[in-house]
């Protein structure tokens, strides 16, 4: 059986981090777990069991580097041919890691796979399977949220697919959730690491898009299940999180939109921020794995 390394980026998630770590360490398919802590102030690391498993390494950052930046630090430490990126507020159900690894190697050029994310009540959580949010699909969502779809003779398409029937097995999708994704090391070498131009949100969509453009397949694996207590670390700063969501989408849309269509990008953060992101825009950083 192939094995994987696990990278968990932590920022003030309290005892949820401990539950996440314990849920992955019980799997014999896990070679090593790297916790990259983004300068937490809540004592999250203190909840980890004393004399912890020798498969666990903690990387302490002196500042919050953002999700992508911290993930890349962890990725550079990994050595396994597969890597699981996992949010600290996720609890991996028994057998999920093995099912993800199996799906990842089920066909040539499968680059990343994601599980079925569950809410605490075990209902399917949005975001685990979705289309890339092209401007036309975002416009359709706005129409739906405003209930304007009732005036249309058809149902507008939607980029989130959690209300569709579950597939019977692994299925190709355009994007999975960055809360839990298993990736091949050779895919990382091919397309590069996460784009650190995204501080929080959007980096997973960007990675999925880059994988597709390089010919890698992205699979949704419903038989692998993960309970996601969404937004634990962002509960104390919801406005900051919304800000970075907007910033991420402003960075993402020009890469997928046709010329002129980028005008549909949300402007709620103002043209100054858009200009700043364009000035700071850069390719993914140079990267090498051990």
C-alpha atoms as a PDB file:
ATOM      1  CA  UNK A   1       0.000   0.000   0.000  1.00  0.00           C
ATOM      2  CA  UNK A   2       1.309   3.429  -0.923  1.00  0.00           C
ATOM      3  CA  UNK A   3       1.746   5.925   1.896  1.00  0.00           C
ATOM      4  CA  UNK A   4       1.365   9.678   2.287  1.00  0.00           C
ATOM      5  CA  UNK A   5       2.659  12.609   4.265  1.00  0.00           C
ATOM      6  CA  UNK A   6       0.164  15.039   5.790  1.00  0.00           C
ATOM      7  CA  UNK A   7       0.471  18.834   5.964  1.00  0.00           C
ATOM      8  CA  UNK A   8      -1.790  20.715   8.396  1.00  0.00           C
ATOM      9  CA  UNK A   9      -1.722  24.524   8.590  1.00  0.00           C
ATOM     10  CA  UNK A  10      -2.880  25.721  11.989  1.00  0.00           C
ATOM     11  CA  UNK A  11      -4.044  29.103  13.209  1.00  0.00           C
ATOM     12  CA  UNK A  12      -5.886  29.306  16.528  1.00  0.00           C
ATOM     13  CA  UNK A  13      -7.997  26.153  16.191  1.00  0.00           C
ATOM     14  CA  UNK A  14      -7.683  24.951  19.782  1.00  0.00           C
ATOM     15  CA  UNK A  15      -8.489  21.310  20.433  1.00  0.00           C
ATOM     16  CA  UNK A  16      -9.783  20.781  16.894  1.00  0.00           C
ATOM     17  CA  UNK A  17      -6.128  20.511  15.851  1.00  0.00           C
ATOM     18  CA  UNK A  18      -5.571  17.626  18.265  1.00  0.00           C
ATOM     19  CA  UNK A  19      -8.610  15.767  16.915  1.00  0.00           C
ATOM     20  CA  UNK A  20      -7.408  16.260  13.330  1.00  0.00           C
ATOM     21  CA  UNK A  21      -3.911  15.008  14.129  1.00  0.00           C
ATOM     22  CA  UNK A  22      -5.172  11.971  16.007  1.00  0.00           C
ATOM     23  CA  UNK A  23      -7.560  11.099  13.172  1.00  0.00           C
ATOM     24  CA  UNK A  24      -4.710  10.862  10.648  1.00  0.00           C
ATOM     25  CA  UNK A  25      -2.080   9.288  12.892  1.00  0.00           C
ATOM     26  CA  UNK A  26      -4.283   6.259  13.474  1.00  0.00           C
ATOM     27  CA  UNK A  27      -3.779   5.377   9.793  1.00  0.00           C
ATOM     28  CA  UNK A  28      -0.792   3.170   8.994  1.00  0.00           C
ATOM     29  CA  UNK A  29      -0.785   4.751   5.526  1.00  0.00           C
ATOM     30  CA  UNK A  30       0.475   8.031   7.035  1.00  0.00           C
ATOM     31  CA  UNK A  31       4.257   8.268   6.971  1.00  0.00           C
ATOM     32  CA  UNK A  32       4.601  11.688   8.610  1.00  0.00           C
ATOM     33  CA  UNK A  33       2.496  14.654   9.708  1.00  0.00           C
ATOM     34  CA  UNK A  34       3.786  18.230   9.458  1.00  0.00           C
ATOM     35  CA  UNK A  35       1.929  20.887  11.432  1.00  0.00           C
ATOM     36  CA  UNK A  36       2.779  24.372  10.177  1.00  0.00           C
ATOM     37  CA  UNK A  37       1.645  26.839  12.814  1.00  0.00           C
ATOM     38  CA  UNK A  38       0.977  30.394  11.648  1.00  0.00           C
ATOM     39  CA  UNK A  39       1.906  32.129  14.914  1.00  0.00           C
ATOM     40  CA  UNK A  40      -1.146  30.957  16.860  1.00  0.00           C
ATOM     41  CA  UNK A  41      -1.859  32.709  20.150  1.00  0.00           C
ATOM     42  CA  UNK A  42      -4.484  30.350  21.599  1.00  0.00           C
ATOM     43  CA  UNK A  43      -2.147  27.591  22.765  1.00  0.00           C
ATOM     44  CA  UNK A  44      -3.366  25.210  20.057  1.00  0.00           C
ATOM     45  CA  UNK A  45      -0.119  23.242  20.110  1.00  0.00           C
ATOM     46  CA  UNK A  46      -0.335  22.761  23.881  1.00  0.00           C
ATOM     47  CA  UNK A  47      -3.353  20.490  23.423  1.00  0.00           C
ATOM     48  CA  UNK A  48      -1.299  17.961  21.481  1.00  0.00           C
ATOM     49  CA  UNK A  49      -0.463  14.869  23.556  1.00  0.00           C
ATOM     50  CA  UNK A  50       2.864  15.067  25.376  1.00  0.00           C
ATOM     51  CA  UNK A  51       5.459  12.639  24.023  1.00  0.00           C
ATOM     52  CA  UNK A  52       3.590  12.699  20.717  1.00  0.00           C
ATOM     53  CA  UNK A  53       4.045  10.212  17.895  1.00  0.00           C
ATOM     54  CA  UNK A  54       7.491  10.365  16.284  1.00  0.00           C
ATOM     55  CA  UNK A  55       5.700  10.778  12.958  1.00  0.00           C
ATOM     56  CA  UNK A  56       4.744  14.310  13.989  1.00  0.00           C
ATOM     57  CA  UNK A  57       6.809  17.435  13.267  1.00  0.00           C
ATOM     58  CA  UNK A  58       5.801  20.975  14.237  1.00  0.00           C
ATOM     59  CA  UNK A  59       7.005  23.957  12.186  1.00  0.00           C
ATOM     60  CA  UNK A  60       6.560  27.249  14.045  1.00  0.00           C
ATOM     61  CA  UNK A  61       6.205  30.420  12.008  1.00  0.00           C
ATOM     62  CA  UNK A  62       6.879  33.759  13.684  1.00  0.00           C
ATOM     63  CA  UNK A  63       4.125  35.430  11.629  1.00  0.00           C
ATOM     64  CA  UNK A  64       0.955  34.429   9.815  1.00  0.00           C
ATOM     65  CA  UNK A  65       2.168  33.530   6.326  1.00  0.00           C
ATOM     66  CA  UNK A  66      -1.299  32.730   5.021  1.00  0.00           C
ATOM     67  CA  UNK A  67      -2.602  29.331   3.999  1.00  0.00           C
ATOM     68  CA  UNK A  68      -0.702  28.905   0.728  1.00  0.00           C
ATOM     69  CA  UNK A  69       2.614  30.130   2.121  1.00  0.00           C
ATOM     70  CA  UNK A  70       2.404  27.854   5.152  1.00  0.00           C
ATOM     71  CA  UNK A  71       1.307  24.875   3.050  1.00  0.00           C
ATOM     72  CA  UNK A  72       4.308  25.325   0.792  1.00  0.00           C
ATOM     73  CA  UNK A  73       6.641  25.269   3.798  1.00  0.00           C
ATOM     74  CA  UNK A  74       5.162  21.936   4.760  1.00  0.00           C
ATOM     75  CA  UNK A  75       5.231  20.594   1.214  1.00  0.00           C
ATOM     76  CA  UNK A  76       8.954  21.290   0.970  1.00  0.00           C
ATOM     77  CA  UNK A  77       9.513  19.022   3.987  1.00  0.00           C
ATOM     78  CA  UNK A  78       7.527  16.075   2.638  1.00  0.00           C
ATOM     79  CA  UNK A  79       9.178  13.049   1.079  1.00  0.00           C
ATOM     80  CA  UNK A  80       6.296  10.651   0.340  1.00  0.00           C
ATOM     81  CA  UNK A  81       4.984  10.264  -3.199  1.00  0.00           C
ATOM     82  CA  UNK A  82       1.543  11.409  -1.981  1.00  0.00           C
ATOM     83  CA  UNK A  83       0.679  14.393   0.212  1.00  0.00           C
ATOM     84  CA  UNK A  84      -2.567  15.098   2.066  1.00  0.00           C
ATOM     85  CA  UNK A  85      -3.341  18.774   2.725  1.00  0.00           C
ATOM     86  CA  UNK A  86      -5.750  18.912   5.652  1.00  0.00           C
ATOM     87  CA  UNK A  87      -7.428  21.732   7.553  1.00  0.00           C
ATOM     88  CA  UNK A  88      -7.013  21.532  11.332  1.00  0.00           C
ATOM     89  CA  UNK A  89     -10.787  21.618  11.814  1.00  0.00           C
ATOM     90  CA  UNK A  90     -11.250  18.375   9.865  1.00  0.00           C
ATOM     91  CA  UNK A  91     -11.728  14.913  11.329  1.00  0.00           C
ATOM     92  CA  UNK A  92     -10.769  12.127   8.915  1.00  0.00           C
ATOM     93  CA  UNK A  93     -13.080   9.125   9.118  1.00  0.00           C
ATOM     94  CA  UNK A  94     -11.585   5.656   9.316  1.00  0.00           C
ATOM     95  CA  UNK A  95     -10.417   4.281   5.963  1.00  0.00           C
ATOM     96  CA  UNK A  96     -10.679   7.643   4.175  1.00  0.00           C
ATOM     97  CA  UNK A  97      -6.937   8.066   3.660  1.00  0.00           C
ATOM     98  CA  UNK A  98      -6.566   4.606   2.145  1.00  0.00           C
ATOM     99  CA  UNK A  99      -9.517   5.225  -0.193  1.00  0.00           C
ATOM    100  CA  UNK A 100      -8.046   8.540  -1.312  1.00  0.00           C
ATOM    101  CA  UNK A 101      -4.676   6.962  -2.056  1.00  0.00           C
ATOM    102  CA  UNK A 102      -6.361   4.154  -4.011  1.00  0.00           C
ATOM    103  CA  UNK A 103      -8.329   6.678  -6.088  1.00  0.00           C
ATOM    104  CA  UNK A 104      -5.224   8.785  -6.670  1.00  0.00           C
ATOM    105  CA  UNK A 105      -3.502   5.815  -8.311  1.00  0.00           C
ATOM    106  CA  UNK A 106      -6.577   4.346  -9.986  1.00  0.00           C
ATOM    107  CA  UNK A 107      -5.678   5.753 -13.407  1.00  0.00           C
ATOM    108  CA  UNK A 108      -2.843   7.495 -15.179  1.00  0.00           C
ATOM    109  CA  UNK A 109      -2.482  11.207 -14.614  1.00  0.00           C
ATOM    110  CA  UNK A 110      -4.850  11.538 -11.674  1.00  0.00           C
ATOM    111  CA  UNK A 111      -3.205  14.482  -9.913  1.00  0.00           C
ATOM    112  CA  UNK A 112      -5.430  15.195  -6.929  1.00  0.00           C
ATOM    113  CA  UNK A 113      -8.425  13.697  -5.173  1.00  0.00           C
ATOM    114  CA  UNK A 114     -10.817  14.991  -2.544  1.00  0.00           C
ATOM    115  CA  UNK A 115     -13.206  13.287  -0.109  1.00  0.00           C
ATOM    116  CA  UNK A 116     -16.863  13.807   0.669  1.00  0.00           C
ATOM    117  CA  UNK A 117     -16.836  16.670   3.218  1.00  0.00           C
ATOM    118  CA  UNK A 118     -19.511  16.394   5.879  1.00  0.00           C
ATOM    119  CA  UNK A 119     -21.013  18.963   8.208  1.00  0.00           C
ATOM    120  CA  UNK A 120     -21.094  18.020  11.912  1.00  0.00           C
ATOM    121  CA  UNK A 121     -24.663  16.749  11.359  1.00  0.00           C
ATOM    122  CA  UNK A 122     -23.230  14.442   8.633  1.00  0.00           C
ATOM    123  CA  UNK A 123     -24.976  16.228   5.760  1.00  0.00           C
ATOM    124  CA  UNK A 124     -22.854  16.932   2.681  1.00  0.00           C
ATOM    125  CA  UNK A 125     -20.957  20.194   2.935  1.00  0.00           C
ATOM    126  CA  UNK A 126     -20.770  22.541  -0.040  1.00  0.00           C
ATOM    127  CA  UNK A 127     -17.454  22.865  -1.856  1.00  0.00           C
ATOM    128  CA  UNK A 128     -16.220  19.299  -1.984  1.00  0.00           C
ATOM    129  CA  UNK A 129     -17.207  18.968  -5.652  1.00  0.00           C
ATOM    130  CA  UNK A 130     -17.681  21.991  -7.847  1.00  0.00           C
ATOM    131  CA  UNK A 131     -17.074  23.609 -11.162  1.00  0.00           C
ATOM    132  CA  UNK A 132     -14.495  26.333 -11.525  1.00  0.00           C
ATOM    133  CA  UNK A 133     -16.412  29.557 -10.759  1.00  0.00           C
ATOM    134  CA  UNK A 134     -16.297  31.190 -14.169  1.00  0.00           C
ATOM    135  CA  UNK A 135     -17.888  34.667 -14.230  1.00  0.00           C
ATOM    136  CA  UNK A 136     -21.008  33.303 -15.960  1.00  0.00           C
ATOM    137  CA  UNK A 137     -21.561  30.772 -13.148  1.00  0.00           C
ATOM    138  CA  UNK A 138     -21.020  33.420 -10.500  1.00  0.00           C
ATOM    139  CA  UNK A 139     -23.593  35.605 -12.232  1.00  0.00           C
ATOM    140  CA  UNK A 140     -25.985  32.648 -12.164  1.00  0.00           C
ATOM    141  CA  UNK A 141     -25.423  32.324  -8.428  1.00  0.00           C
ATOM    142  CA  UNK A 142     -26.190  36.026  -7.921  1.00  0.00           C
ATOM    143  CA  UNK A 143     -29.401  35.549  -9.887  1.00  0.00           C
ATOM    144  CA  UNK A 144     -30.308  32.601  -7.687  1.00  0.00           C
ATOM    145  CA  UNK A 145     -29.516  34.388  -4.421  1.00  0.00           C
ATOM    146  CA  UNK A 146     -31.711  37.302  -5.515  1.00  0.00           C
ATOM    147  CA  UNK A 147     -34.464  34.833  -6.468  1.00  0.00           C
ATOM    148  CA  UNK A 148     -34.494  36.304  -9.967  1.00  0.00           C
ATOM    149  CA  UNK A 149     -34.321  32.778 -11.420  1.00  0.00           C
ATOM    150  CA  UNK A 150     -38.114  32.614 -11.079  1.00  0.00           C
ATOM    151  CA  UNK A 151     -38.329  35.114 -13.917  1.00  0.00           C
ATOM    152  CA  UNK A 152     -36.254  32.916 -16.242  1.00  0.00           C
ATOM    153  CA  UNK A 153     -37.567  30.090 -18.455  1.00  0.00           C
ATOM    154  CA  UNK A 154     -34.681  27.824 -17.333  1.00  0.00           C
ATOM    155  CA  UNK A 155     -32.691  26.970 -14.237  1.00  0.00           C
ATOM    156  CA  UNK A 156     -29.337  28.815 -14.213  1.00  0.00           C
ATOM    157  CA  UNK A 157     -26.275  26.588 -13.805  1.00  0.00           C
ATOM    158  CA  UNK A 158     -24.490  26.545 -10.466  1.00  0.00           C
ATOM    159  CA  UNK A 159     -20.833  25.877  -9.734  1.00  0.00           C
ATOM    160  CA  UNK A 160     -21.407  24.091  -6.402  1.00  0.00           C
ATOM    161  CA  UNK A 161     -22.545  20.501  -6.935  1.00  0.00           C
ATOM    162  CA  UNK A 162     -23.333  19.242  -3.429  1.00  0.00           C
ATOM    163  CA  UNK A 163     -27.068  19.127  -4.181  1.00  0.00           C
ATOM    164  CA  UNK A 164     -26.543  16.781  -7.122  1.00  0.00           C
ATOM    165  CA  UNK A 165     -26.898  13.012  -6.542  1.00  0.00           C
ATOM    166  CA  UNK A 166     -23.747  11.431  -5.179  1.00  0.00           C
ATOM    167  CA  UNK A 167     -21.792   9.433  -7.762  1.00  0.00           C
ATOM    168  CA  UNK A 168     -21.404   5.732  -7.057  1.00  0.00           C
ATOM    169  CA  UNK A 169     -17.620   5.964  -7.095  1.00  0.00           C
ATOM    170  CA  UNK A 170     -14.760   8.362  -7.822  1.00  0.00           C
ATOM    171  CA  UNK A 171     -15.844  10.958 -10.380  1.00  0.00           C
ATOM    172  CA  UNK A 172     -13.985  13.611 -12.324  1.00  0.00           C
ATOM    173  CA  UNK A 173     -14.767  17.169 -11.261  1.00  0.00           C
ATOM    174  CA  UNK A 174     -13.269  20.537 -12.047  1.00  0.00           C
ATOM    175  CA  UNK A 175     -12.401  21.400  -8.450  1.00  0.00           C
ATOM    176  CA  UNK A 176     -12.312  19.978  -4.943  1.00  0.00           C
ATOM    177  CA  UNK A 177     -11.941  21.667  -1.563  1.00  0.00           C
ATOM    178  CA  UNK A 178      -8.574  22.729  -0.186  1.00  0.00           C
ATOM    179  CA  UNK A 179      -9.823  21.701   3.269  1.00  0.00           C
ATOM    180  CA  UNK A 180      -8.799  18.151   2.389  1.00  0.00           C
ATOM    181  CA  UNK A 181      -7.024  17.165  -0.808  1.00  0.00           C
ATOM    182  CA  UNK A 182      -4.624  14.333  -1.592  1.00  0.00           C
ATOM    183  CA  UNK A 183      -2.090  15.126  -4.330  1.00  0.00           C
ATOM    184  CA  UNK A 184       0.670  13.299  -6.160  1.00  0.00           C
ATOM    185  CA  UNK A 185       4.171  14.574  -5.569  1.00  0.00           C
ATOM    186  CA  UNK A 186       4.928  14.364  -9.272  1.00  0.00           C
ATOM    187  CA  UNK A 187       1.981  16.648 -10.002  1.00  0.00           C
ATOM    188  CA  UNK A 188       3.400  19.236  -7.602  1.00  0.00           C
ATOM    189  CA  UNK A 189       6.721  19.017  -9.399  1.00  0.00           C
ATOM    190  CA  UNK A 190       4.933  19.500 -12.728  1.00  0.00           C
ATOM    191  CA  UNK A 191       2.570  22.397 -11.967  1.00  0.00           C
ATOM    192  CA  UNK A 192       4.343  23.989  -9.002  1.00  0.00           C
ATOM    193  CA  UNK A 193       3.178  24.558  -5.405  1.00  0.00           C
ATOM    194  CA  UNK A 194       0.264  26.673  -4.252  1.00  0.00           C
ATOM    195  CA  UNK A 195       0.323  30.286  -5.447  1.00  0.00           C
ATOM    196  CA  UNK A 196       1.357  32.396  -2.456  1.00  0.00           C
ATOM    197  CA  UNK A 197      -0.324  35.402  -4.050  1.00  0.00           C
ATOM    198  CA  UNK A 198      -3.458  34.020  -2.371  1.00  0.00           C
ATOM    199  CA  UNK A 199      -3.339  34.658   1.370  1.00  0.00           C
ATOM    200  CA  UNK A 200      -6.559  32.881   2.268  1.00  0.00           C
ATOM    201  CA  UNK A 201      -9.157  31.363  -0.098  1.00  0.00           C
ATOM    202  CA  UNK A 202      -8.881  30.835  -3.843  1.00  0.00           C
ATOM    203  CA  UNK A 203      -5.561  28.997  -3.832  1.00  0.00           C
ATOM    204  CA  UNK A 204      -7.290  25.601  -4.086  1.00  0.00           C
ATOM    205  CA  UNK A 205      -9.307  26.681  -7.124  1.00  0.00           C
ATOM    206  CA  UNK A 206      -6.158  28.030  -8.735  1.00  0.00           C
ATOM    207  CA  UNK A 207      -4.325  24.738  -8.096  1.00  0.00           C
ATOM    208  CA  UNK A 208      -7.177  22.684  -9.560  1.00  0.00           C
ATOM    209  CA  UNK A 209      -7.278  24.933 -12.631  1.00  0.00           C
ATOM    210  CA  UNK A 210      -3.523  24.627 -13.163  1.00  0.00           C
ATOM    211  CA  UNK A 211      -3.743  20.849 -12.794  1.00  0.00           C
ATOM    212  CA  UNK A 212      -6.451  20.608 -15.461  1.00  0.00           C
ATOM    213  CA  UNK A 213      -4.498  22.833 -17.824  1.00  0.00           C
ATOM    214  CA  UNK A 214      -1.504  20.506 -17.515  1.00  0.00           C
ATOM    215  CA  UNK A 215      -3.624  17.429 -18.205  1.00  0.00           C
ATOM    216  CA  UNK A 216      -3.982  16.158 -14.632  1.00  0.00           C
ATOM    217  CA  UNK A 217      -7.345  14.753 -13.531  1.00  0.00           C
ATOM    218  CA  UNK A 218      -9.147  15.873 -10.380  1.00  0.00           C
ATOM    219  CA  UNK A 219     -11.393  13.290  -8.688  1.00  0.00           C
ATOM    220  CA  UNK A 220     -14.133  13.517  -6.071  1.00  0.00           C
ATOM    221  CA  UNK A 221     -14.177  10.356  -3.924  1.00  0.00           C
ATOM    222  CA  UNK A 222     -17.528  10.010  -2.096  1.00  0.00           C
ATOM    223  CA  UNK A 223     -16.595   6.826  -0.215  1.00  0.00           C
ATOM    224  CA  UNK A 224     -13.810   8.751   1.597  1.00  0.00           C
ATOM    225  CA  UNK A 225     -15.424  10.927   4.262  1.00  0.00           C
ATOM    226  CA  UNK A 226     -14.158  13.821   6.374  1.00  0.00           C
ATOM    227  CA  UNK A 227     -16.116  15.836   8.947  1.00  0.00           C
ATOM    228  CA  UNK A 228     -15.285  19.522   8.529  1.00  0.00           C
ATOM    229  CA  UNK A 229     -16.073  21.981  11.337  1.00  0.00           C
ATOM    230  CA  UNK A 230     -15.905  24.830   8.867  1.00  0.00           C
ATOM    231  CA  UNK A 231     -14.430  28.190   9.790  1.00  0.00           C
ATOM    232  CA  UNK A 232     -13.113  27.442  13.286  1.00  0.00           C
ATOM    233  CA  UNK A 233     -10.044  29.690  12.996  1.00  0.00           C
ATOM    234  CA  UNK A 234     -11.952  32.512  11.290  1.00  0.00           C
ATOM    235  CA  UNK A 235     -14.844  32.869  13.751  1.00  0.00           C
ATOM    236  CA  UNK A 236     -13.190  35.763  15.572  1.00  0.00           C
ATOM    237  CA  UNK A 237     -12.441  37.740  12.396  1.00  0.00           C
ATOM    238  CA  UNK A 238     -15.246  37.170   9.862  1.00  0.00           C
ATOM    239  CA  UNK A 239     -14.761  40.518   8.093  1.00  0.00           C
ATOM    240  CA  UNK A 240     -11.080  39.784   7.520  1.00  0.00           C
ATOM    241  CA  UNK A 241     -11.971  36.419   6.014  1.00  0.00           C
ATOM    242  CA  UNK A 242     -14.542  37.986   3.686  1.00  0.00           C
ATOM    243  CA  UNK A 243     -11.958  40.542   2.614  1.00  0.00           C
ATOM    244  CA  UNK A 244      -9.482  37.829   1.627  1.00  0.00           C
ATOM    245  CA  UNK A 245     -12.203  35.906  -0.198  1.00  0.00           C
ATOM    246  CA  UNK A 246     -12.769  38.957  -2.370  1.00  0.00           C
ATOM    247  CA  UNK A 247      -9.055  39.496  -2.851  1.00  0.00           C
ATOM    248  CA  UNK A 248      -8.644  35.863  -3.891  1.00  0.00           C
ATOM    249  CA  UNK A 249     -11.438  36.025  -6.436  1.00  0.00           C
ATOM    250  CA  UNK A 250     -10.095  39.263  -7.901  1.00  0.00           C
ATOM    251  CA  UNK A 251      -6.801  37.450  -8.413  1.00  0.00           C
ATOM    252  CA  UNK A 252      -8.457  34.308  -9.792  1.00  0.00           C
ATOM    253  CA  UNK A 253     -10.983  35.638 -12.315  1.00  0.00           C
ATOM    254  CA  UNK A 254      -8.629  37.325 -14.788  1.00  0.00           C
ATOM    255  CA  UNK A 255      -6.901  33.952 -15.240  1.00  0.00           C
ATOM    256  CA  UNK A 256     -10.072  32.183 -16.372  1.00  0.00           C
ATOM    257  CA  UNK A 257     -12.181  34.907 -17.940  1.00  0.00           C
ATOM    258  CA  UNK A 258     -12.218  35.774 -21.619  1.00  0.00           C
ATOM    259  CA  UNK A 259     -10.842  39.188 -22.544  1.00  0.00           C
ATOM    260  CA  UNK A 260     -13.264  41.798 -21.287  1.00  0.00           C
ATOM    261  CA  UNK A 261     -15.185  39.345 -19.100  1.00  0.00           C
ATOM    262  CA  UNK A 262     -13.015  40.169 -16.083  1.00  0.00           C
ATOM    263  CA  UNK A 263     -15.230  43.230 -15.703  1.00  0.00           C
ATOM    264  CA  UNK A 264     -17.633  40.884 -13.918  1.00  0.00           C
ATOM    265  CA  UNK A 265     -15.149  40.573 -11.064  1.00  0.00           C
ATOM    266  CA  UNK A 266     -16.705  41.763  -7.782  1.00  0.00           C
ATOM    267  CA  UNK A 267     -15.701  45.363  -7.172  1.00  0.00           C
ATOM    268  CA  UNK A 268     -16.724  45.596  -3.542  1.00  0.00           C
ATOM    269  CA  UNK A 269     -13.112  45.922  -2.400  1.00  0.00           C
ATOM    270  CA  UNK A 270     -12.458  48.769  -4.780  1.00  0.00           C
ATOM    271  CA  UNK A 271     -10.205  49.352  -7.761  1.00  0.00           C
ATOM    272  CA  UNK A 272      -7.244  50.246  -5.523  1.00  0.00           C
ATOM    273  CA  UNK A 273      -7.020  46.681  -4.242  1.00  0.00           C
ATOM    274  CA  UNK A 274      -7.387  45.296  -7.766  1.00  0.00           C
ATOM    275  CA  UNK A 275      -4.496  47.452  -8.982  1.00  0.00           C
ATOM    276  CA  UNK A 276      -2.378  46.425  -5.998  1.00  0.00           C
ATOM    277  CA  UNK A 277      -2.949  42.718  -6.681  1.00  0.00           C
ATOM    278  CA  UNK A 278      -2.019  43.193 -10.328  1.00  0.00           C
ATOM    279  CA  UNK A 279       1.190  44.958  -9.277  1.00  0.00           C
ATOM    280  CA  UNK A 280       2.032  42.196  -6.822  1.00  0.00           C
ATOM    281  CA  UNK A 281       1.034  39.374  -9.175  1.00  0.00           C
ATOM    282  CA  UNK A 282       3.792  36.854  -9.679  1.00  0.00           C
ATOM    283  CA  UNK A 283       4.199  33.229 -10.800  1.00  0.00           C
ATOM    284  CA  UNK A 284       4.243  30.428  -8.205  1.00  0.00           C
ATOM    285  CA  UNK A 285       7.498  30.426  -6.210  1.00  0.00           C
ATOM    286  CA  UNK A 286      10.475  28.220  -6.993  1.00  0.00           C
ATOM    287  CA  UNK A 287       9.956  24.900  -5.276  1.00  0.00           C
ATOM    288  CA  UNK A 288      11.705  21.623  -4.546  1.00  0.00           C
ATOM    289  CA  UNK A 289      10.718  18.680  -2.344  1.00  0.00           C
ATOM    290  CA  UNK A 290      13.105  16.597  -0.277  1.00  0.00           C
END
